[in-house]
Protein backbone atom coordinates (compact mmCIF):
# COMPACT_ATOMS: atom_id res chain seq x y z
CA MET A 1 107.11 115.21 76.15
CA PRO A 2 103.52 115.41 74.79
CA GLU A 3 100.89 117.26 76.82
CA PHE A 4 97.40 117.68 75.39
CA THR A 5 93.68 117.74 76.09
CA THR A 6 91.68 114.65 75.15
CA LYS A 7 87.94 114.06 74.91
CA ILE A 8 86.16 111.06 76.45
CA THR A 9 84.46 109.09 73.68
CA ARG A 10 83.25 106.07 75.66
CA ILE A 11 82.68 105.19 79.32
CA ARG A 12 82.03 101.73 80.75
CA ASP A 13 81.06 101.42 84.42
CA TYR A 14 81.47 98.26 86.51
CA PRO A 15 79.38 98.72 89.69
CA VAL A 16 79.96 97.22 93.13
CA PRO A 17 77.46 96.63 95.96
CA GLU A 18 78.96 99.53 97.90
CA GLY A 19 80.92 102.58 96.80
CA ALA A 20 81.72 103.99 93.38
CA PRO A 21 82.10 101.75 90.31
CA THR A 22 85.28 100.99 88.48
CA ARG A 23 85.32 102.95 85.25
CA VAL A 24 86.99 102.41 81.87
CA PHE A 25 87.53 105.56 79.78
CA GLU A 26 88.22 105.45 76.06
CA CYS A 27 89.61 108.64 74.51
CA HIS A 28 90.75 109.62 71.03
CA LEU A 29 94.04 111.37 70.43
CA PRO A 30 93.54 114.87 69.01
CA ALA A 31 94.35 115.32 65.33
CA GLY A 32 98.06 115.78 64.78
CA VAL A 33 99.08 114.52 68.24
CA ALA A 34 101.60 111.67 68.37
CA TYR A 35 101.73 109.73 71.63
CA PRO A 36 104.24 106.89 71.32
CA TYR A 37 104.26 104.56 74.32
CA THR A 38 105.08 100.97 75.26
CA SER A 39 102.56 98.60 76.84
CA GLY A 40 102.97 98.81 80.60
CA GLN A 41 103.65 102.54 80.78
CA PHE A 42 101.46 105.13 82.50
CA ALA A 43 100.27 108.66 81.79
CA MET A 44 99.75 111.65 84.06
CA ILE A 45 96.20 113.03 84.04
CA ALA A 46 94.92 116.40 85.27
CA HIS A 47 91.71 118.42 85.28
CA PRO A 48 91.32 122.18 85.92
CA ASN A 49 88.89 121.47 88.78
CA VAL A 50 91.53 119.59 90.79
CA ARG A 51 94.27 121.72 92.34
CA LEU A 52 97.23 121.13 94.61
CA LEU A 53 96.20 121.72 98.20
CA ALA A 54 99.48 123.54 98.87
CA ASN A 55 99.17 125.76 95.80
CA GLN A 56 95.74 126.31 94.30
CA ALA A 57 97.30 127.99 91.26
CA LEU A 58 98.62 124.61 90.09
CA MET A 59 96.70 121.62 88.80
CA LYS A 60 97.21 118.26 90.45
CA TRP A 61 98.58 115.56 88.15
CA SER A 62 97.98 111.87 88.98
CA SER A 63 99.36 108.74 87.33
CA TYR A 64 97.23 106.10 85.57
CA SER A 65 98.39 103.05 83.66
CA ILE A 66 97.43 103.00 80.00
CA SER A 67 95.16 100.05 79.26
CA SER A 68 94.99 100.50 75.49
CA SER A 69 97.66 99.00 73.27
CA PRO A 70 99.96 101.00 70.98
CA GLU A 71 98.51 98.78 68.26
CA GLN A 72 95.14 100.53 68.74
CA LYS A 73 96.00 103.60 66.72
CA GLY A 74 94.57 106.93 67.81
CA ILE A 75 93.07 105.58 71.04
CA LEU A 76 93.99 105.96 74.69
CA GLU A 77 92.18 103.96 77.37
CA PHE A 78 92.36 104.13 81.16
CA CYS A 79 90.89 101.93 83.88
CA ILE A 80 90.16 103.93 87.04
CA GLY A 81 88.71 103.43 90.52
CA ASP A 82 87.39 106.17 92.78
CA GLY A 83 89.74 108.00 95.14
CA SER A 84 90.00 110.93 97.51
CA PRO A 85 87.27 113.61 97.14
CA THR A 86 90.07 116.10 96.41
CA GLY A 87 91.80 113.86 93.85
CA VAL A 88 91.81 113.41 90.10
CA SER A 89 90.15 109.98 90.26
CA HIS A 90 87.11 111.39 92.05
CA GLN A 91 86.83 114.14 89.43
CA LEU A 92 87.00 111.58 86.62
CA MET A 93 84.15 109.64 88.24
CA THR A 94 81.88 112.68 87.80
CA MET A 95 82.62 113.08 84.09
CA LYS A 96 80.61 111.96 81.08
CA GLU A 97 81.23 111.19 77.42
CA GLY A 98 82.30 114.35 75.60
CA ASP A 99 84.06 115.83 78.63
CA GLU A 100 87.78 116.59 78.48
CA PHE A 101 90.86 116.17 80.65
CA MET A 102 94.59 116.70 80.19
CA VAL A 103 97.22 114.03 79.52
CA ARG A 104 101.01 114.12 79.84
CA GLY A 105 103.63 111.42 79.30
CA PRO A 106 104.22 108.59 78.85
CA PHE A 107 106.23 107.45 81.88
CA GLY A 108 107.39 104.24 83.53
CA LYS A 109 109.74 101.28 83.21
CA PHE A 110 107.19 98.49 83.71
CA LEU A 111 107.57 97.45 80.09
CA LEU A 112 106.44 94.54 77.97
CA ASP A 113 109.26 92.31 76.73
CA GLU A 114 108.03 90.71 73.52
CA ASN A 115 110.79 88.07 73.41
CA GLN A 116 109.83 85.67 76.21
CA GLU A 117 108.97 81.97 75.94
CA GLU A 118 105.90 82.13 78.21
CA TYR A 119 103.90 84.90 79.87
CA ILE A 120 101.94 84.96 83.12
CA PHE A 121 99.95 88.06 84.04
CA LEU A 122 98.59 88.49 87.58
CA ALA A 123 96.06 91.31 87.97
CA THR A 124 93.71 92.43 90.71
CA GLY A 125 91.05 95.10 90.20
CA THR A 126 92.24 98.06 88.17
CA GLY A 127 95.67 96.40 88.07
CA ILE A 128 94.36 94.83 84.87
CA ALA A 129 95.12 98.12 83.06
CA PRO A 130 98.79 97.74 82.03
CA LEU A 131 98.43 93.97 81.67
CA ILE A 132 95.50 94.05 79.24
CA SER A 133 97.60 96.51 77.23
CA MET A 134 100.45 93.99 77.10
CA ILE A 135 98.15 91.11 76.16
CA ARG A 136 96.50 93.15 73.42
CA THR A 137 99.92 93.99 72.00
CA LEU A 138 101.20 90.42 72.06
CA LEU A 139 98.11 89.01 70.36
CA ALA A 140 97.81 91.84 67.84
CA LYS A 141 101.39 91.15 66.74
CA GLY A 142 100.72 87.44 66.34
CA ASN A 143 102.76 86.20 69.32
CA LYS A 144 102.25 82.42 69.60
CA LYS A 145 103.92 81.82 72.97
CA PRO A 146 101.76 80.65 75.92
CA ILE A 147 100.01 83.62 77.55
CA THR A 148 97.94 83.22 80.73
CA LEU A 149 96.07 85.94 82.58
CA TYR A 150 95.00 85.43 86.19
CA PHE A 151 92.51 88.19 86.96
CA GLY A 152 90.92 88.62 90.38
CA PHE A 153 88.39 90.94 92.00
CA ARG A 154 85.76 90.85 94.75
CA TYR A 155 82.43 90.83 92.94
CA PRO A 156 81.38 89.36 89.57
CA SER A 157 80.14 92.81 88.52
CA GLN A 158 83.79 93.96 88.54
CA TYR A 159 84.71 91.60 85.69
CA MET A 160 86.13 94.15 83.25
CA TYR A 161 86.84 93.21 79.63
CA ARG A 162 84.67 90.09 79.89
CA GLU A 163 83.62 90.05 76.24
CA GLU A 164 87.07 90.92 74.93
CA LEU A 165 88.82 88.26 77.01
CA THR A 166 86.28 85.66 75.90
CA GLU A 167 86.88 86.62 72.27
CA MET A 168 90.66 86.53 72.76
CA GLN A 169 90.47 82.96 74.04
CA ALA A 170 88.26 81.91 71.13
CA ASN A 171 90.60 83.44 68.53
CA HIS A 172 94.00 82.71 70.08
CA PRO A 173 94.66 79.11 71.22
CA ASN A 174 97.82 80.23 73.06
CA PHE A 175 95.88 82.61 75.34
CA LYS A 176 94.03 81.59 78.49
CA ALA A 177 92.22 83.75 81.05
CA VAL A 178 91.69 82.39 84.56
CA ILE A 179 89.10 84.59 86.27
CA THR A 180 88.44 84.56 90.01
CA ALA A 181 86.11 86.39 92.41
CA SER A 182 86.59 86.40 96.18
CA ARG A 183 82.90 87.24 96.82
CA PRO A 184 81.04 85.41 94.05
CA ASP A 185 77.28 85.09 93.73
CA ALA A 186 75.30 81.93 93.07
CA GLU A 187 75.53 82.38 89.29
CA TRP A 188 79.34 82.72 89.16
CA LYS A 189 80.85 80.10 86.82
CA HIS A 190 84.55 80.85 87.28
CA HIS A 191 87.10 80.32 90.05
CA HIS A 192 86.22 81.18 93.67
CA GLY A 193 88.96 82.79 95.75
CA TYR A 194 92.10 84.78 95.12
CA VAL A 195 94.58 85.08 92.26
CA GLN A 196 97.29 83.15 94.12
CA ASP A 197 94.85 80.25 94.68
CA ALA A 198 94.07 80.09 90.98
CA LEU A 199 97.76 80.26 90.09
CA LYS A 200 98.63 77.46 92.49
CA ASN A 201 95.96 75.25 90.92
CA HIS A 202 97.77 75.55 87.57
CA ALA A 203 101.33 75.28 88.90
CA SER A 204 102.09 71.92 87.32
CA ALA A 205 101.58 73.31 83.79
CA ILE A 206 104.07 76.19 84.20
CA ASP A 207 107.65 76.07 82.91
CA LYS A 208 109.32 78.01 85.73
CA LYS A 209 112.63 78.33 83.89
CA ASN A 210 111.30 80.13 80.83
CA ILE A 211 108.62 82.54 81.96
CA ARG A 212 108.07 86.23 82.49
CA VAL A 213 105.58 87.12 85.23
CA TYR A 214 103.93 90.56 85.37
CA ILE A 215 102.05 91.60 88.53
CA CYS A 216 99.88 94.68 89.02
CA GLY A 217 97.48 95.81 91.75
CA LYS A 218 97.20 97.83 94.92
CA PRO A 219 100.46 97.82 96.94
CA GLU A 220 99.37 95.47 99.71
CA ILE A 221 97.95 92.95 97.23
CA ALA A 222 100.82 93.21 94.76
CA GLU A 223 103.33 92.64 97.57
CA LYS A 224 101.48 89.48 98.62
CA LEU A 225 101.44 88.24 95.05
CA ILE A 226 105.15 88.77 94.49
CA GLU A 227 105.94 87.03 97.80
CA PHE A 228 103.72 84.14 96.74
CA CYS A 229 105.46 83.92 93.35
CA LEU A 230 108.96 83.94 94.82
CA HIS A 231 108.42 81.72 97.85
CA ASP A 232 105.45 79.44 97.15
CA MET A 233 105.78 79.15 93.38
CA GLN A 234 109.59 79.46 93.50
CA PHE A 235 109.82 81.65 90.44
CA ALA A 236 113.24 83.24 89.95
CA GLN A 237 113.25 86.88 91.04
CA GLU A 238 114.60 88.06 87.69
CA HIS A 239 111.53 86.56 85.99
CA VAL A 240 109.00 88.56 88.04
CA LEU A 241 108.11 92.23 87.46
CA MET A 242 105.67 94.24 89.56
CA GLU A 243 103.76 97.51 89.28
CA LYS A 244 101.76 98.86 92.22
CA TRP A 245 99.95 102.06 93.20
């Protein structure tokens, strides 16, 4: 299994009124390193400054979904929020372009199936990471099936991938992004509320028998979304896949 050091080549911060921003890291694979993965998988990340509390001789490894697509050759991207002061996420929030961290993997069974008739992606916050990877892969490979992303967050400033999602919709008639903020400002032009509200508003256009639904977000939110999909939307359980952290 590959393990290597990668260098940060680009950082994008998405600030919030309180607390640390959400951060998107773009890294380049070192020369000669192969890192085959499937959209939806995650990597383990470590930094020498972050050690296991029980054994300071060992680095702490933490899992992060890969937001880049395997179709983006030579690039790895991660979407990260702040965490515990003793954790890897907090360390990553202090880093700048040109800094390095360690990567191991890939891992995970939350995998993109490229042979579905319709796709629905439900993301909240940094849960967009594995789902934007899947969408990038589908569109890069010319998939023409209906693809809809429902992406929710609190504040408009947390709207990650705004330009890319706008461009995707302009270039791919089969792709639609429904964006929602639960605490919008006066200038917000998209949906107000939560992901499940936005999904319910579009329920009549969904073919429930021939879909694949992917859900990703924090555990408490992801659990609410899957319950909503199974009970309120009445999607079949075998059609719904979830990743949470």
